[in-house]
Amino acid sequence: MSTPSSSPIPAGATGATGATAIITGGSRGLGYEVARGLAAQGYHLALIAKDPQGLDQAREKLIAEFPQCSVTTFAIDFEVTTPSAIESARQQLSQVRTSIATPTALVIAHAVMSEKMSKTLRTSDAEWRRVMAINLDSTFMVVNELVPPMADARNGRVVIFSACLGRMSGPGNAGGLAPYRISKAGVNALVRNLAHETGMGARGLLVDAICPNHSRTDMGGPDAPRSAEEGAETALWLLNRPFNSQSENEIEKTTGVLWEDHQIVPW
């Protein structure tokens, strides 16, 4: 079972924004930088990650930097490759949903890279299943469990970290890293489908994917051209940008797409 490391966020909690945000992959890298940005805005945070110790360290750092920040953590392993792992993750996500106020922001930032030589004809079943389970299957589970209350409230924004390598154009056409690329293509399809099913923003729920580009994280490595903070910036912008489905400005009226540096890019 997941174990909150602080008192659950009360349903009536109010901060600078009066809002609650859930961030998966929130203990490090891009997820942690999103958490920092939202903490600075006064959000109450619920962080989800695999490692309880990493979550504790992230919580301590956030509270040290933002003393008024409320942080609850949930340790959940998203390598859902067996029926028992799927059931466990489902139960833990249900605990997240019932332990905190309905969020107005959900950011899904957890992911793994596939092995360097994992081309389509060289990938093992185990490697395919591992990457798909973490990058795509668990993303569906998070959305399926946590987004319905946001949709019912008609007030929420969902941002999912995807990748330009998952596009069916541009960088997505180079081949290689098959499980990773294909899992992210699946994430893009999930975002598009969910956005259409929930009214493309007309019902108060925005759903978007972002390409953070090559950032200095555990996955991206120390030589990546962007910092994790730079990689997270577009996610923070999407959570706060003006939106009006009747606007003449394409940026202000569009959701259900893939974003890169505040711009819409082809799938």
Protein backbone atom coordinates (compact mmCIF):
# COMPACT_ATOMS: atom_id res chain seq x y z
CA MET A 1 0.00 0.00 0.00
CA SER A 2 1.12 3.58 -0.58
CA THR A 3 1.74 5.52 2.59
CA PRO A 4 1.31 9.29 2.73
CA SER A 5 4.33 10.84 4.43
CA SER A 6 2.36 13.79 5.74
CA SER A 7 -1.21 14.48 6.74
CA PRO A 8 -3.63 14.23 3.81
CA ILE A 9 -4.48 17.53 2.15
CA PRO A 10 -7.88 18.52 3.54
CA ALA A 11 -10.69 19.05 1.08
CA GLY A 12 -11.09 22.66 2.19
CA ALA A 13 -7.40 23.55 2.03
CA THR A 14 -6.55 26.89 0.48
CA GLY A 15 -3.22 28.28 -0.63
CA ALA A 16 -2.17 31.20 -2.79
CA THR A 17 -4.10 29.57 -5.61
CA GLY A 18 -6.56 27.64 -3.46
CA ALA A 19 -5.66 24.61 -5.58
CA THR A 20 -4.22 21.12 -5.35
CA ALA A 21 -1.83 19.56 -7.87
CA ILE A 22 -0.81 15.93 -8.35
CA ILE A 23 2.56 15.25 -9.98
CA THR A 24 3.78 11.77 -10.89
CA GLY A 25 7.52 11.36 -11.13
CA GLY A 26 7.54 14.21 -8.64
CA SER A 27 10.61 13.24 -6.64
CA ARG A 28 13.20 14.24 -9.23
CA GLY A 29 13.90 15.58 -12.70
CA LEU A 30 11.12 17.20 -14.69
CA GLY A 31 8.40 16.24 -12.21
CA TYR A 32 10.28 17.79 -9.32
CA GLU A 33 10.83 21.02 -11.26
CA VAL A 34 7.10 21.20 -12.00
CA ALA A 35 6.46 20.68 -8.29
CA ARG A 36 8.86 23.53 -7.45
CA GLY A 37 7.10 25.84 -9.86
CA LEU A 38 3.68 25.02 -8.46
CA ALA A 39 4.91 25.29 -4.86
CA ALA A 40 6.06 28.82 -5.67
CA GLN A 41 2.51 29.59 -6.79
CA GLY A 42 1.02 28.31 -3.54
CA TYR A 43 -0.36 24.98 -4.70
CA HIS A 44 -0.86 22.12 -2.29
CA LEU A 45 1.14 19.24 -3.73
CA ALA A 46 0.67 15.48 -3.90
CA LEU A 47 3.81 13.82 -5.25
CA ILE A 48 3.84 10.28 -6.62
CA ALA A 49 7.02 8.32 -7.32
CA LYS A 50 8.44 4.84 -6.86
CA ASP A 51 11.10 5.49 -4.19
CA PRO A 52 9.85 6.45 -0.70
CA GLN A 53 13.27 7.83 0.29
CA GLY A 54 13.43 9.98 -2.82
CA LEU A 55 9.95 11.28 -2.09
CA ASP A 56 10.92 12.16 1.48
CA GLN A 57 13.96 14.06 0.23
CA ALA A 58 11.91 15.92 -2.35
CA ARG A 59 9.33 16.86 0.24
CA GLU A 60 12.01 18.16 2.62
CA LYS A 61 13.62 20.25 -0.11
CA LEU A 62 10.30 21.73 -1.22
CA ILE A 63 9.27 22.67 2.30
CA ALA A 64 12.71 24.14 3.01
CA GLU A 65 12.45 26.34 -0.09
CA PHE A 66 8.74 27.08 0.27
CA PRO A 67 7.88 26.92 4.01
CA GLN A 68 4.16 27.48 3.41
CA CYS A 69 3.97 24.60 0.94
CA SER A 70 1.87 21.54 1.82
CA VAL A 71 3.32 18.31 0.39
CA THR A 72 1.84 14.83 0.58
CA THR A 73 3.70 11.89 -0.95
CA PHE A 74 2.63 8.49 -2.23
CA ALA A 75 5.08 5.72 -3.14
CA ILE A 76 3.69 3.78 -6.11
CA ASP A 77 5.57 1.41 -8.41
CA PHE A 78 4.28 1.87 -11.96
CA GLU A 79 6.02 -1.17 -13.44
CA VAL A 80 2.63 -2.83 -13.85
CA THR A 81 3.65 -5.98 -15.71
CA THR A 82 1.67 -8.55 -13.70
CA PRO A 83 -1.97 -8.76 -12.57
CA SER A 84 -0.92 -8.30 -8.93
CA ALA A 85 1.14 -5.20 -9.79
CA ILE A 86 -1.77 -3.73 -11.73
CA GLU A 87 -4.15 -4.33 -8.83
CA SER A 88 -1.71 -2.86 -6.32
CA ALA A 89 -1.18 0.29 -8.38
CA ARG A 90 -4.94 0.65 -8.85
CA GLN A 91 -5.56 0.44 -5.11
CA GLN A 92 -2.80 2.95 -4.38
CA LEU A 93 -4.13 5.42 -6.96
CA SER A 94 -7.56 5.06 -5.41
CA GLN A 95 -6.00 6.01 -2.09
CA VAL A 96 -4.52 9.12 -3.69
CA ARG A 97 -7.94 10.07 -5.05
CA THR A 98 -9.69 9.67 -1.70
CA SER A 99 -6.93 11.25 0.41
CA ILE A 100 -6.73 14.69 -1.18
CA ALA A 101 -8.97 17.38 -2.54
CA THR A 102 -9.96 17.14 -6.20
CA PRO A 103 -6.96 18.58 -8.02
CA THR A 104 -7.09 21.34 -10.58
CA ALA A 105 -3.73 20.21 -11.99
CA LEU A 106 -2.46 16.74 -12.84
CA VAL A 107 1.02 16.38 -14.32
CA ILE A 108 2.21 12.95 -15.44
CA ALA A 109 6.00 13.09 -15.63
CA HIS A 110 7.18 9.55 -14.86
CA ALA A 111 8.78 7.51 -17.64
CA VAL A 112 11.67 5.23 -18.52
CA MET A 113 13.94 5.03 -21.57
CA SER A 114 14.30 1.75 -23.44
CA GLU A 115 17.64 0.03 -23.92
CA LYS A 116 19.90 1.66 -26.51
CA MET A 117 19.79 -1.31 -28.88
CA SER A 118 16.06 -1.85 -28.54
CA LYS A 119 15.14 -1.75 -32.20
CA THR A 120 11.87 -3.32 -33.23
CA LEU A 121 13.50 -6.57 -34.37
CA ARG A 122 15.88 -6.76 -31.40
CA THR A 123 13.68 -5.94 -28.43
CA SER A 124 12.86 -8.69 -25.95
CA ASP A 125 9.35 -9.30 -24.71
CA ALA A 126 10.45 -8.32 -21.20
CA GLU A 127 11.91 -4.99 -22.33
CA TRP A 128 8.86 -4.19 -24.46
CA ARG A 129 6.50 -5.01 -21.60
CA ARG A 130 8.52 -3.01 -19.03
CA VAL A 131 8.63 0.17 -21.10
CA MET A 132 5.00 -0.04 -22.22
CA ALA A 133 3.84 -0.76 -18.69
CA ILE A 134 5.56 2.28 -17.20
CA ASN A 135 5.23 4.79 -20.02
CA LEU A 136 1.79 3.96 -21.41
CA ASP A 137 -0.20 1.51 -19.29
CA SER A 138 0.37 3.32 -16.02
CA THR A 139 -0.33 6.67 -17.69
CA PHE A 140 -3.73 5.30 -18.65
CA MET A 141 -4.25 4.05 -15.08
CA VAL A 142 -3.40 7.45 -13.58
CA VAL A 143 -5.73 9.22 -16.00
CA ASN A 144 -8.49 6.64 -15.58
CA GLU A 145 -8.37 6.85 -11.78
CA LEU A 146 -7.62 10.53 -11.09
CA VAL A 147 -9.15 12.54 -13.94
CA PRO A 148 -12.88 11.67 -13.55
CA PRO A 149 -13.31 13.95 -10.48
CA MET A 150 -11.56 16.75 -12.38
CA ALA A 151 -13.88 16.27 -15.35
CA ASP A 152 -16.92 16.22 -13.06
CA ALA A 153 -15.75 19.46 -11.43
CA ARG A 154 -15.33 21.04 -14.89
CA ASN A 155 -12.16 22.65 -13.65
CA GLY A 156 -8.81 21.06 -14.33
CA ARG A 157 -5.74 20.82 -16.48
CA VAL A 158 -3.92 17.61 -17.35
CA VAL A 159 -0.40 17.83 -18.74
CA ILE A 160 1.42 14.66 -19.77
CA PHE A 161 5.12 14.60 -20.59
CA SER A 162 5.51 12.90 -23.94
CA ALA A 163 8.48 13.13 -26.33
CA CYS A 164 9.26 14.40 -29.79
CA LEU A 165 10.59 10.89 -30.45
CA GLY A 166 6.98 9.74 -30.20
CA ARG A 167 5.83 11.93 -33.08
CA MET A 168 4.81 10.35 -36.38
CA SER A 169 6.74 13.14 -38.11
CA GLY A 170 10.08 14.88 -37.69
CA PRO A 171 12.23 13.25 -35.00
CA GLY A 172 9.78 10.38 -34.70
CA ASN A 173 10.75 8.94 -38.08
CA ALA A 174 14.36 7.97 -37.32
CA GLY A 175 13.75 4.48 -35.88
CA GLY A 176 15.49 2.87 -32.93
CA LEU A 177 14.52 2.93 -29.24
CA ALA A 178 11.37 1.18 -30.41
CA PRO A 179 9.59 0.58 -27.08
CA TYR A 180 10.19 4.17 -25.94
CA ARG A 181 9.17 5.82 -29.22
CA ILE A 182 6.06 3.66 -29.60
CA SER A 183 5.02 4.08 -25.97
CA LYS A 184 5.20 7.86 -26.38
CA ALA A 185 3.24 7.68 -29.63
CA GLY A 186 0.62 5.86 -27.58
CA VAL A 187 0.69 8.63 -24.98
CA ASN A 188 0.09 11.18 -27.74
CA ALA A 189 -2.91 9.18 -28.96
CA LEU A 190 -4.25 8.90 -25.41
CA VAL A 191 -4.03 12.68 -24.96
CA ARG A 192 -5.80 13.37 -28.23
CA ASN A 193 -8.55 10.84 -27.53
CA LEU A 194 -9.16 12.04 -23.97
CA ALA A 195 -9.29 15.68 -25.04
CA HIS A 196 -11.98 14.91 -27.62
CA GLU A 197 -13.96 12.80 -25.16
CA THR A 198 -13.99 15.65 -22.63
CA GLY A 199 -15.04 18.41 -25.00
CA MET A 200 -11.71 19.89 -26.16
CA GLY A 201 -11.74 22.35 -23.28
CA ALA A 202 -15.37 23.43 -23.64
CA ARG A 203 -16.30 21.57 -20.44
CA GLY A 204 -13.56 23.08 -18.30
CA LEU A 205 -10.97 20.30 -18.59
CA LEU A 206 -7.83 20.84 -20.68
CA VAL A 207 -5.68 17.87 -21.71
CA ASP A 208 -2.30 18.37 -23.37
CA ALA A 209 1.00 16.63 -24.09
CA ILE A 210 4.40 18.28 -24.10
CA CYS A 211 7.78 17.56 -25.61
CA PRO A 212 10.31 18.82 -23.02
CA ASN A 213 13.28 18.25 -25.33
CA HIS A 214 16.58 16.75 -24.19
CA SER A 215 16.96 17.82 -20.56
CA ARG A 216 19.52 17.13 -17.84
CA THR A 217 17.73 14.47 -15.82
CA ASP A 218 18.57 10.91 -14.84
CA MET A 219 17.12 9.83 -18.19
CA GLY A 220 18.57 12.66 -20.28
CA GLY A 221 22.04 12.52 -18.75
CA PRO A 222 24.41 15.27 -17.58
CA ASP A 223 25.34 16.46 -21.08
CA ALA A 224 21.82 17.30 -22.27
CA PRO A 225 21.51 20.86 -23.59
CA ARG A 226 18.60 21.88 -21.36
CA SER A 227 18.28 22.02 -17.60
CA ALA A 228 15.42 20.18 -15.95
CA GLU A 229 13.93 23.56 -15.06
CA GLU A 230 13.92 24.55 -18.73
CA GLY A 231 12.39 21.20 -19.67
CA ALA A 232 9.55 21.71 -17.18
CA GLU A 233 8.77 25.32 -18.13
CA THR A 234 6.21 24.60 -20.85
CA ALA A 235 4.27 22.33 -18.49
CA LEU A 236 4.01 25.14 -15.96
CA TRP A 237 2.94 27.54 -18.68
CA LEU A 238 0.19 25.16 -19.83
CA LEU A 239 -1.14 24.93 -16.28
CA ASN A 240 -1.57 28.71 -16.17
CA ARG A 241 -2.12 29.92 -19.73
CA PRO A 242 -5.33 31.78 -20.60
CA PHE A 243 -7.82 29.54 -22.38
CA ASN A 244 -10.92 30.52 -24.31
CA SER A 245 -12.36 28.09 -26.85
CA GLN A 246 -13.92 31.05 -28.70
CA SER A 247 -10.71 33.06 -28.93
CA GLU A 248 -9.26 34.03 -32.31
CA ASN A 249 -5.80 33.28 -30.90
CA GLU A 250 -4.89 29.68 -31.77
CA ILE A 251 -2.71 29.27 -28.67
CA GLU A 252 -5.50 30.43 -26.35
CA LYS A 253 -8.25 28.28 -27.90
CA THR A 254 -6.42 24.99 -28.46
CA THR A 255 -6.06 21.92 -26.27
CA GLY A 256 -5.59 18.20 -26.96
CA VAL A 257 -2.31 18.75 -28.82
CA LEU A 258 1.44 18.31 -28.45
CA TRP A 259 3.35 21.39 -27.29
CA GLU A 260 7.01 22.32 -27.56
CA ASP A 261 8.25 25.65 -26.16
CA HIS A 262 4.73 27.13 -26.03
CA GLN A 263 4.09 26.16 -29.65
CA ILE A 264 1.88 23.44 -31.16
CA VAL A 265 3.89 20.83 -33.05
CA PRO A 266 2.62 18.10 -35.41
CA TRP A 267 1.95 14.67 -33.98
